Amino acid sequence: MVELQNFYLVSCKGAEFNGVLILMQLQNNYINQLHKHLDDLAADFNVSNTTEFKEFMMHFNLFMRNHARSEGFSNAMETIQVYNHSLLDKLLSSDVLAAAEELEAAIVYLEMLASQSQTRTNTKIVVLNQSISILEETQLKIIEFLESLLLTFRQNHLEN
């Protein structure tokens, strides 16, 4: 039997959680725009045959999966308009932070790829690097929003 004694639901019909959804949707748009650049780079054998590019793609694909899960989870929570701080904590820890970790790993491999002499002057790599920086900033904002919401919910819970 599920213990419901400490299961407090909090209504979040305000702009707080909507801000997280907007950032996740914005990030989804960035990801979609990056696909064209990634397809172009995959066609360039000087880039796509490198270990760094393959590792970057592996981690970037894991990032996209975690992002898609977190966006879907957030949309479901937005639909019901009632949130529990433990659900937000699960969203933050299992999907959003996992996505951030994979993005960080992808960035490491992209930086190694960008530092190689054969790819250093490749404009597609430069554009990809800048685009990934935007994704990273957006991911950090999503984390900040969720942490702020969790803090607010915990403070409200303690007051009640």
N, C-alpha and C. Protein backbone atom coordinates (compact mmCIF):
# COMPACT_ATOMS: atom_id res chain seq x y z
N MET A 1 0.84 -1.17 0.00
CA MET A 1 0.00 0.00 0.00
C MET A 1 0.89 1.25 0.00
N VAL A 2 0.53 2.22 -0.78
CA VAL A 2 1.30 3.46 -0.88
C VAL A 2 1.01 4.33 0.34
N GLU A 3 2.06 4.83 0.94
CA GLU A 3 1.93 5.70 2.10
C GLU A 3 1.60 7.11 1.62
N LEU A 4 0.41 7.60 1.93
CA LEU A 4 -0.03 8.91 1.46
C LEU A 4 0.04 9.98 2.54
N GLN A 5 0.50 9.63 3.71
CA GLN A 5 0.53 10.58 4.81
C GLN A 5 1.36 11.82 4.48
N ASN A 6 2.49 11.64 3.85
CA ASN A 6 3.37 12.77 3.53
C ASN A 6 3.32 13.16 2.07
N PHE A 7 2.26 12.84 1.41
CA PHE A 7 2.09 13.12 -0.02
C PHE A 7 1.24 14.37 -0.15
N TYR A 8 1.88 15.53 -0.23
CA TYR A 8 1.16 16.80 -0.29
C TYR A 8 1.12 17.30 -1.73
N LEU A 9 -0.07 17.56 -2.20
CA LEU A 9 -0.23 18.09 -3.55
C LEU A 9 -0.25 19.60 -3.48
N VAL A 10 0.37 20.22 -4.45
CA VAL A 10 0.46 21.67 -4.49
C VAL A 10 -0.04 22.12 -5.86
N SER A 11 -0.93 23.07 -5.87
CA SER A 11 -1.41 23.59 -7.14
C SER A 11 -0.40 24.59 -7.67
N CYS A 12 -0.09 24.46 -8.92
CA CYS A 12 0.88 25.36 -9.56
C CYS A 12 0.31 25.89 -10.84
N LYS A 13 -0.77 26.58 -10.76
CA LYS A 13 -1.39 27.08 -11.98
C LYS A 13 -0.75 28.39 -12.43
N GLY A 14 0.26 28.82 -11.69
CA GLY A 14 0.90 30.08 -12.01
C GLY A 14 1.96 29.94 -13.08
N ALA A 15 2.72 31.00 -13.20
CA ALA A 15 3.72 31.07 -14.26
C ALA A 15 4.99 30.32 -13.94
N GLU A 16 5.16 29.88 -12.65
CA GLU A 16 6.43 29.26 -12.29
C GLU A 16 6.72 28.03 -13.14
N PHE A 17 5.81 27.08 -13.13
CA PHE A 17 6.07 25.85 -13.87
C PHE A 17 5.95 26.08 -15.37
N ASN A 18 5.12 27.01 -15.76
CA ASN A 18 5.00 27.34 -17.18
C ASN A 18 6.35 27.80 -17.73
N GLY A 19 7.13 28.49 -16.91
CA GLY A 19 8.46 28.93 -17.33
C GLY A 19 9.37 27.75 -17.66
N VAL A 20 9.27 26.68 -16.87
CA VAL A 20 10.06 25.48 -17.14
C VAL A 20 9.64 24.87 -18.47
N LEU A 21 8.33 24.78 -18.68
CA LEU A 21 7.84 24.21 -19.94
C LEU A 21 8.29 25.02 -21.15
N ILE A 22 8.24 26.33 -21.03
CA ILE A 22 8.66 27.19 -22.13
C ILE A 22 10.14 26.95 -22.44
N LEU A 23 10.97 26.86 -21.40
CA LEU A 23 12.39 26.60 -21.63
C LEU A 23 12.63 25.24 -22.26
N MET A 24 11.87 24.23 -21.82
CA MET A 24 12.03 22.90 -22.41
C MET A 24 11.60 22.88 -23.87
N GLN A 25 10.54 23.62 -24.19
CA GLN A 25 10.11 23.69 -25.58
C GLN A 25 11.11 24.47 -26.43
N LEU A 26 11.67 25.52 -25.86
CA LEU A 26 12.72 26.28 -26.55
C LEU A 26 13.93 25.39 -26.81
N GLN A 27 14.29 24.62 -25.81
CA GLN A 27 15.42 23.72 -25.97
C GLN A 27 15.12 22.67 -27.04
N ASN A 28 13.89 22.21 -27.10
CA ASN A 28 13.49 21.25 -28.13
C ASN A 28 13.65 21.87 -29.53
N ASN A 29 13.31 23.15 -29.66
CA ASN A 29 13.51 23.84 -30.95
C ASN A 29 14.99 23.91 -31.31
N TYR A 30 15.85 24.20 -30.32
CA TYR A 30 17.29 24.22 -30.57
C TYR A 30 17.77 22.85 -31.04
N ILE A 31 17.29 21.80 -30.38
CA ILE A 31 17.70 20.45 -30.75
C ILE A 31 17.29 20.15 -32.19
N ASN A 32 16.08 20.53 -32.56
CA ASN A 32 15.61 20.29 -33.93
C ASN A 32 16.46 21.04 -34.95
N GLN A 33 16.87 22.26 -34.61
CA GLN A 33 17.73 23.03 -35.52
C GLN A 33 19.12 22.40 -35.65
N LEU A 34 19.59 21.80 -34.56
CA LEU A 34 20.91 21.17 -34.59
C LEU A 34 20.96 19.94 -35.49
N HIS A 35 19.84 19.30 -35.68
CA HIS A 35 19.83 18.08 -36.49
C HIS A 35 20.37 18.32 -37.90
N LYS A 36 20.07 19.46 -38.50
CA LYS A 36 20.59 19.76 -39.84
C LYS A 36 22.11 19.84 -39.81
N HIS A 37 22.65 20.51 -38.80
CA HIS A 37 24.10 20.61 -38.68
C HIS A 37 24.73 19.24 -38.44
N LEU A 38 24.08 18.44 -37.62
CA LEU A 38 24.61 17.11 -37.33
C LEU A 38 24.58 16.22 -38.57
N ASP A 39 23.51 16.34 -39.35
CA ASP A 39 23.44 15.56 -40.60
C ASP A 39 24.56 15.97 -41.56
N ASP A 40 24.81 17.28 -41.65
CA ASP A 40 25.90 17.76 -42.51
C ASP A 40 27.25 17.23 -42.04
N LEU A 41 27.46 17.25 -40.72
CA LEU A 41 28.72 16.76 -40.18
C LEU A 41 28.86 15.25 -40.36
N ALA A 42 27.76 14.53 -40.24
CA ALA A 42 27.80 13.08 -40.42
C ALA A 42 28.18 12.72 -41.86
N ALA A 43 27.86 13.59 -42.80
CA ALA A 43 28.20 13.35 -44.21
C ALA A 43 29.67 13.66 -44.50
N ASP A 44 30.31 14.41 -43.60
CA ASP A 44 31.72 14.76 -43.76
C ASP A 44 32.57 13.66 -43.10
N PHE A 45 33.20 12.82 -43.91
CA PHE A 45 33.94 11.67 -43.37
C PHE A 45 35.16 12.08 -42.55
N ASN A 46 35.70 13.28 -42.78
CA ASN A 46 36.81 13.75 -41.94
C ASN A 46 36.35 13.96 -40.51
N VAL A 47 35.08 14.23 -40.33
CA VAL A 47 34.52 14.45 -39.00
C VAL A 47 33.87 13.18 -38.47
N SER A 48 33.00 12.59 -39.26
CA SER A 48 32.18 11.48 -38.77
C SER A 48 32.97 10.21 -38.46
N ASN A 49 34.15 10.07 -39.01
CA ASN A 49 34.95 8.88 -38.73
C ASN A 49 35.80 9.00 -37.47
N THR A 50 35.78 10.16 -36.84
CA THR A 50 36.59 10.33 -35.63
C THR A 50 35.88 9.74 -34.42
N THR A 51 36.67 9.24 -33.51
CA THR A 51 36.14 8.69 -32.26
C THR A 51 35.40 9.77 -31.48
N GLU A 52 35.94 10.98 -31.49
CA GLU A 52 35.33 12.07 -30.73
C GLU A 52 33.92 12.37 -31.23
N PHE A 53 33.74 12.39 -32.55
CA PHE A 53 32.41 12.67 -33.09
C PHE A 53 31.44 11.55 -32.73
N LYS A 54 31.91 10.32 -32.82
CA LYS A 54 31.04 9.19 -32.46
C LYS A 54 30.65 9.25 -30.99
N GLU A 55 31.60 9.57 -30.12
CA GLU A 55 31.30 9.70 -28.69
C GLU A 55 30.36 10.88 -28.45
N PHE A 56 30.62 12.00 -29.14
CA PHE A 56 29.73 13.15 -29.02
C PHE A 56 28.31 12.76 -29.38
N MET A 57 28.15 12.07 -30.51
CA MET A 57 26.81 11.68 -30.97
C MET A 57 26.13 10.73 -29.98
N MET A 58 26.89 9.81 -29.41
CA MET A 58 26.31 8.89 -28.44
C MET A 58 25.76 9.66 -27.24
N HIS A 59 26.57 10.56 -26.68
CA HIS A 59 26.13 11.32 -25.52
C HIS A 59 25.04 12.32 -25.88
N PHE A 60 25.12 12.91 -27.06
CA PHE A 60 24.08 13.85 -27.47
C PHE A 60 22.75 13.13 -27.65
N ASN A 61 22.77 11.92 -28.20
CA ASN A 61 21.53 11.15 -28.34
C ASN A 61 20.94 10.79 -26.98
N LEU A 62 21.79 10.45 -26.01
CA LEU A 62 21.29 10.18 -24.66
C LEU A 62 20.71 11.45 -24.04
N PHE A 63 21.37 12.58 -24.28
CA PHE A 63 20.84 13.86 -23.81
C PHE A 63 19.45 14.10 -24.39
N MET A 64 19.29 13.87 -25.70
CA MET A 64 17.99 14.11 -26.34
C MET A 64 16.92 13.19 -25.76
N ARG A 65 17.25 11.94 -25.48
CA ARG A 65 16.27 11.03 -24.88
C ARG A 65 15.83 11.50 -23.51
N ASN A 66 16.81 11.90 -22.69
CA ASN A 66 16.47 12.40 -21.35
C ASN A 66 15.66 13.68 -21.44
N HIS A 67 16.02 14.54 -22.38
CA HIS A 67 15.26 15.77 -22.56
C HIS A 67 13.82 15.47 -22.97
N ALA A 68 13.65 14.55 -23.90
CA ALA A 68 12.30 14.20 -24.37
C ALA A 68 11.47 13.62 -23.23
N ARG A 69 12.09 12.78 -22.40
CA ARG A 69 11.37 12.23 -21.24
C ARG A 69 10.97 13.33 -20.28
N SER A 70 11.89 14.25 -20.00
CA SER A 70 11.59 15.31 -19.04
C SER A 70 10.54 16.26 -19.58
N GLU A 71 10.57 16.53 -20.89
CA GLU A 71 9.56 17.40 -21.48
C GLU A 71 8.19 16.72 -21.45
N GLY A 72 8.14 15.44 -21.76
CA GLY A 72 6.88 14.71 -21.70
C GLY A 72 6.32 14.63 -20.30
N PHE A 73 7.18 14.38 -19.33
CA PHE A 73 6.78 14.33 -17.93
C PHE A 73 6.24 15.68 -17.49
N SER A 74 6.91 16.75 -17.90
CA SER A 74 6.49 18.10 -17.54
C SER A 74 5.14 18.45 -18.16
N ASN A 75 4.95 18.07 -19.42
CA ASN A 75 3.67 18.33 -20.07
C ASN A 75 2.55 17.59 -19.38
N ALA A 76 2.80 16.36 -18.95
CA ALA A 76 1.78 15.60 -18.22
C ALA A 76 1.44 16.29 -16.90
N MET A 77 2.46 16.78 -16.20
CA MET A 77 2.22 17.48 -14.93
C MET A 77 1.45 18.77 -15.18
N GLU A 78 1.78 19.47 -16.26
CA GLU A 78 1.08 20.71 -16.59
C GLU A 78 -0.38 20.43 -16.90
N THR A 79 -0.66 19.31 -17.53
CA THR A 79 -2.03 18.95 -17.89
C THR A 79 -2.89 18.75 -16.66
N ILE A 80 -2.35 18.08 -15.66
CA ILE A 80 -3.17 17.83 -14.46
C ILE A 80 -3.19 19.03 -13.52
N GLN A 81 -2.27 19.97 -13.69
CA GLN A 81 -2.24 21.22 -12.94
C GLN A 81 -2.07 21.04 -11.43
N VAL A 82 -1.63 19.90 -11.00
CA VAL A 82 -1.37 19.67 -9.58
C VAL A 82 -0.02 18.96 -9.49
N TYR A 83 0.81 19.43 -8.58
CA TYR A 83 2.16 18.89 -8.50
C TYR A 83 2.48 18.50 -7.07
N ASN A 84 3.33 17.56 -6.96
CA ASN A 84 3.85 17.13 -5.69
C ASN A 84 5.34 17.40 -5.74
N HIS A 85 5.88 17.91 -4.63
CA HIS A 85 7.30 18.24 -4.67
C HIS A 85 8.16 17.01 -4.93
N SER A 86 7.70 15.84 -4.53
CA SER A 86 8.50 14.64 -4.81
C SER A 86 8.49 14.31 -6.30
N LEU A 87 7.39 14.63 -7.01
CA LEU A 87 7.36 14.43 -8.46
C LEU A 87 8.33 15.39 -9.16
N LEU A 88 8.36 16.64 -8.68
CA LEU A 88 9.30 17.61 -9.25
C LEU A 88 10.74 17.18 -8.97
N ASP A 89 10.96 16.67 -7.77
CA ASP A 89 12.29 16.19 -7.42
C ASP A 89 12.70 15.03 -8.31
N LYS A 90 11.76 14.13 -8.60
CA LYS A 90 12.04 13.00 -9.50
C LYS A 90 12.34 13.51 -10.91
N LEU A 91 11.56 14.47 -11.38
CA LEU A 91 11.80 15.05 -12.70
C LEU A 91 13.21 15.64 -12.76
N LEU A 92 13.55 16.40 -11.73
CA LEU A 92 14.87 17.05 -11.71
C LEU A 92 15.98 16.01 -11.67
N SER A 93 15.87 15.05 -10.77
CA SER A 93 16.98 14.12 -10.57
C SER A 93 17.08 13.05 -11.65
N SER A 94 15.95 12.53 -12.13
CA SER A 94 16.05 11.40 -13.04
C SER A 94 16.16 11.80 -14.51
N ASP A 95 15.60 12.89 -14.91
CA ASP A 95 15.61 13.25 -16.33
C ASP A 95 16.41 14.51 -16.62
N VAL A 96 16.14 15.57 -15.92
CA VAL A 96 16.78 16.85 -16.23
C VAL A 96 18.28 16.81 -15.92
N LEU A 97 18.64 16.31 -14.74
CA LEU A 97 20.06 16.24 -14.41
C LEU A 97 20.78 15.18 -15.24
N ALA A 98 20.08 14.10 -15.56
CA ALA A 98 20.68 13.07 -16.43
C ALA A 98 20.94 13.66 -17.81
N ALA A 99 20.01 14.46 -18.30
CA ALA A 99 20.21 15.11 -19.60
C ALA A 99 21.41 16.06 -19.53
N ALA A 100 21.52 16.80 -18.44
CA ALA A 100 22.63 17.74 -18.28
C ALA A 100 23.97 16.99 -18.25
N GLU A 101 24.01 15.85 -17.58
CA GLU A 101 25.25 15.07 -17.52
C GLU A 101 25.65 14.57 -18.91
N GLU A 102 24.69 14.10 -19.67
CA GLU A 102 24.99 13.61 -21.02
C GLU A 102 25.42 14.75 -21.93
N LEU A 103 24.79 15.92 -21.76
CA LEU A 103 25.18 17.08 -22.56
C LEU A 103 26.62 17.48 -22.23
N GLU A 104 26.96 17.45 -20.94
CA GLU A 104 28.33 17.77 -20.54
C GLU A 104 29.33 16.79 -21.15
N ALA A 105 28.98 15.51 -21.14
CA ALA A 105 29.87 14.51 -21.74
C ALA A 105 30.00 14.75 -23.25
N ALA A 106 28.90 15.09 -23.90
CA ALA A 106 28.94 15.38 -25.34
C ALA A 106 29.83 16.59 -25.61
N ILE A 107 29.74 17.59 -24.76
CA ILE A 107 30.54 18.81 -24.93
C ILE A 107 32.03 18.48 -24.84
N VAL A 108 32.41 17.61 -23.92
CA VAL A 108 33.82 17.23 -23.79
C VAL A 108 34.34 16.66 -25.10
N TYR A 109 33.56 15.76 -25.71
CA TYR A 109 34.00 15.15 -26.97
C TYR A 109 33.95 16.15 -28.12
N LEU A 110 32.99 17.06 -28.10
CA LEU A 110 32.94 18.09 -29.14
C LEU A 110 34.16 19.00 -29.04
N GLU A 111 34.56 19.35 -27.82
CA GLU A 111 35.75 20.19 -27.64
C GLU A 111 37.01 19.47 -28.12
N MET A 112 37.09 18.16 -27.86
CA MET A 112 38.24 17.40 -28.36
C MET A 112 38.24 17.36 -29.88
N LEU A 113 37.05 17.19 -30.46
CA LEU A 113 36.92 17.19 -31.92
C LEU A 113 37.32 18.54 -32.50
N ALA A 114 36.87 19.61 -31.86
CA ALA A 114 37.16 20.96 -32.35
C ALA A 114 38.64 21.32 -32.22
N SER A 115 39.35 20.65 -31.34
CA SER A 115 40.77 20.97 -31.16
C SER A 115 41.69 20.22 -32.12
N GLN A 116 41.15 19.26 -32.85
CA GLN A 116 41.98 18.51 -33.80
C GLN A 116 42.28 19.38 -35.02
N SER A 117 43.47 19.22 -35.56
CA SER A 117 43.90 20.06 -36.68
C SER A 117 43.02 19.88 -37.91
N GLN A 118 42.52 18.68 -38.17
CA GLN A 118 41.71 18.45 -39.37
C GLN A 118 40.30 19.02 -39.26
N THR A 119 39.83 19.31 -38.05
CA THR A 119 38.46 19.82 -37.89
C THR A 119 38.42 21.23 -37.29
N ARG A 120 39.56 21.73 -36.88
CA ARG A 120 39.61 23.03 -36.19
C ARG A 120 39.00 24.16 -37.01
N THR A 121 39.19 24.15 -38.31
CA THR A 121 38.70 25.24 -39.16
C THR A 121 37.36 24.92 -39.82
N ASN A 122 36.76 23.80 -39.48
CA ASN A 122 35.48 23.41 -40.06
C ASN A 122 34.39 24.32 -39.48
N THR A 123 33.77 25.11 -40.35
CA THR A 123 32.75 26.07 -39.88
C THR A 123 31.54 25.37 -39.26
N LYS A 124 31.24 24.17 -39.73
CA LYS A 124 30.10 23.43 -39.17
C LYS A 124 30.37 23.04 -37.72
N ILE A 125 31.61 22.74 -37.41
CA ILE A 125 31.99 22.42 -36.03
C ILE A 125 31.85 23.67 -35.16
N VAL A 126 32.27 24.81 -35.68
CA VAL A 126 32.16 26.07 -34.94
C VAL A 126 30.69 26.39 -34.64
N VAL A 127 29.83 26.25 -35.66
CA VAL A 127 28.40 26.51 -35.47
C VAL A 127 27.80 25.52 -34.47
N LEU A 128 28.18 24.27 -34.59
CA LEU A 128 27.69 23.25 -33.66
C LEU A 128 28.12 23.57 -32.23
N ASN A 129 29.35 23.98 -32.07
CA ASN A 129 29.87 24.33 -30.76
C ASN A 129 29.08 25.48 -30.14
N GLN A 130 28.79 26.51 -30.94
CA GLN A 130 28.01 27.64 -30.44
C GLN A 130 26.58 27.22 -30.10
N SER A 131 26.00 26.37 -30.93
CA SER A 131 24.64 25.90 -30.69
C SER A 131 24.56 25.05 -29.43
N ILE A 132 25.56 24.23 -29.22
CA ILE A 132 25.59 23.40 -28.02
C ILE A 132 25.72 24.28 -26.78
N SER A 133 26.44 25.38 -26.88
CA SER A 133 26.55 26.32 -25.75
C SER A 133 25.19 26.88 -25.38
N ILE A 134 24.37 27.17 -26.38
CA ILE A 134 23.01 27.67 -26.11
C ILE A 134 22.19 26.59 -25.41
N LEU A 135 22.31 25.34 -25.87
CA LEU A 135 21.60 24.24 -25.21
C LEU A 135 22.04 24.11 -23.75
N GLU A 136 23.33 24.25 -23.52
CA GLU A 136 23.85 24.13 -22.16
C GLU A 136 23.28 25.23 -21.26
N GLU A 137 23.24 26.46 -21.76
CA GLU A 137 22.67 27.56 -20.98
C GLU A 137 21.20 27.31 -20.68
N THR A 138 20.46 26.84 -21.66
CA THR A 138 19.03 26.55 -21.46
C THR A 138 18.85 25.44 -20.44
N GLN A 139 19.68 24.41 -20.52
CA GLN A 139 19.58 23.31 -19.56
C GLN A 139 19.84 23.81 -18.15
N LEU A 140 20.81 24.70 -17.98
CA LEU A 140 21.09 25.26 -16.66
C LEU A 140 19.91 26.08 -16.14
N LYS A 141 19.25 26.83 -17.02
CA LYS A 141 18.07 27.60 -16.62
C LYS A 141 16.94 26.68 -16.18
N ILE A 142 16.74 25.57 -16.90
CA ILE A 142 15.70 24.61 -16.52
C ILE A 142 15.99 24.06 -15.13
N ILE A 143 17.24 23.72 -14.87
CA ILE A 143 17.63 23.21 -13.55
C ILE A 143 17.37 24.26 -12.49
N GLU A 144 17.76 25.51 -12.76
CA GLU A 144 17.54 26.59 -11.79
C GLU A 144 16.05 26.78 -11.50
N PHE A 145 15.21 26.76 -12.54
CA PHE A 145 13.76 26.90 -12.36
C PHE A 145 13.22 25.79 -11.47
N LEU A 146 13.58 24.55 -11.79
CA LEU A 146 13.07 23.42 -11.02
C LEU A 146 13.56 23.45 -9.57
N GLU A 147 14.81 23.80 -9.37
CA GLU A 147 15.33 23.90 -8.00
C GLU A 147 14.61 25.00 -7.23
N SER A 148 14.32 26.11 -7.89
CA SER A 148 13.58 27.20 -7.26
C SER A 148 12.17 26.77 -6.89
N LEU A 149 11.50 26.06 -7.80
CA LEU A 149 10.15 25.55 -7.50
C LEU A 149 10.17 24.58 -6.33
N LEU A 150 11.15 23.69 -6.32
CA LEU A 150 11.25 22.73 -5.21
C LEU A 150 11.47 23.44 -3.89
N LEU A 151 12.31 24.44 -3.88
CA LEU A 151 12.56 25.20 -2.67
C LEU A 151 11.29 25.89 -2.19
N THR A 152 10.55 26.50 -3.12
CA THR A 152 9.28 27.16 -2.78
C THR A 152 8.29 26.17 -2.21
N PHE A 153 8.17 25.00 -2.85
CA PHE A 153 7.22 23.99 -2.38
C PHE A 153 7.60 23.47 -1.00
N ARG A 154 8.88 23.28 -0.77
CA ARG A 154 9.32 22.79 0.54
C ARG A 154 9.06 23.83 1.62
N GLN A 155 9.29 25.11 1.29
CA GLN A 155 9.02 26.17 2.27
C GLN A 155 7.52 26.25 2.57
N ASN A 156 6.69 26.15 1.53
CA ASN A 156 5.23 26.16 1.74
C ASN A 156 4.80 24.96 2.56
N HIS A 157 5.41 23.81 2.33
CA HIS A 157 5.08 22.60 3.07
C HIS A 157 5.43 22.77 4.54
N LEU A 158 6.59 23.36 4.82
CA LEU A 158 7.00 23.57 6.21
C LEU A 158 6.10 24.57 6.91
N GLU A 159 5.61 25.57 6.19
CA GLU A 159 4.71 26.56 6.77
C GLU A 159 3.36 25.96 7.12
N ASN A 160 2.92 24.98 6.32
CA ASN A 160 1.63 24.33 6.56
C ASN A 160 1.81 23.29 7.62
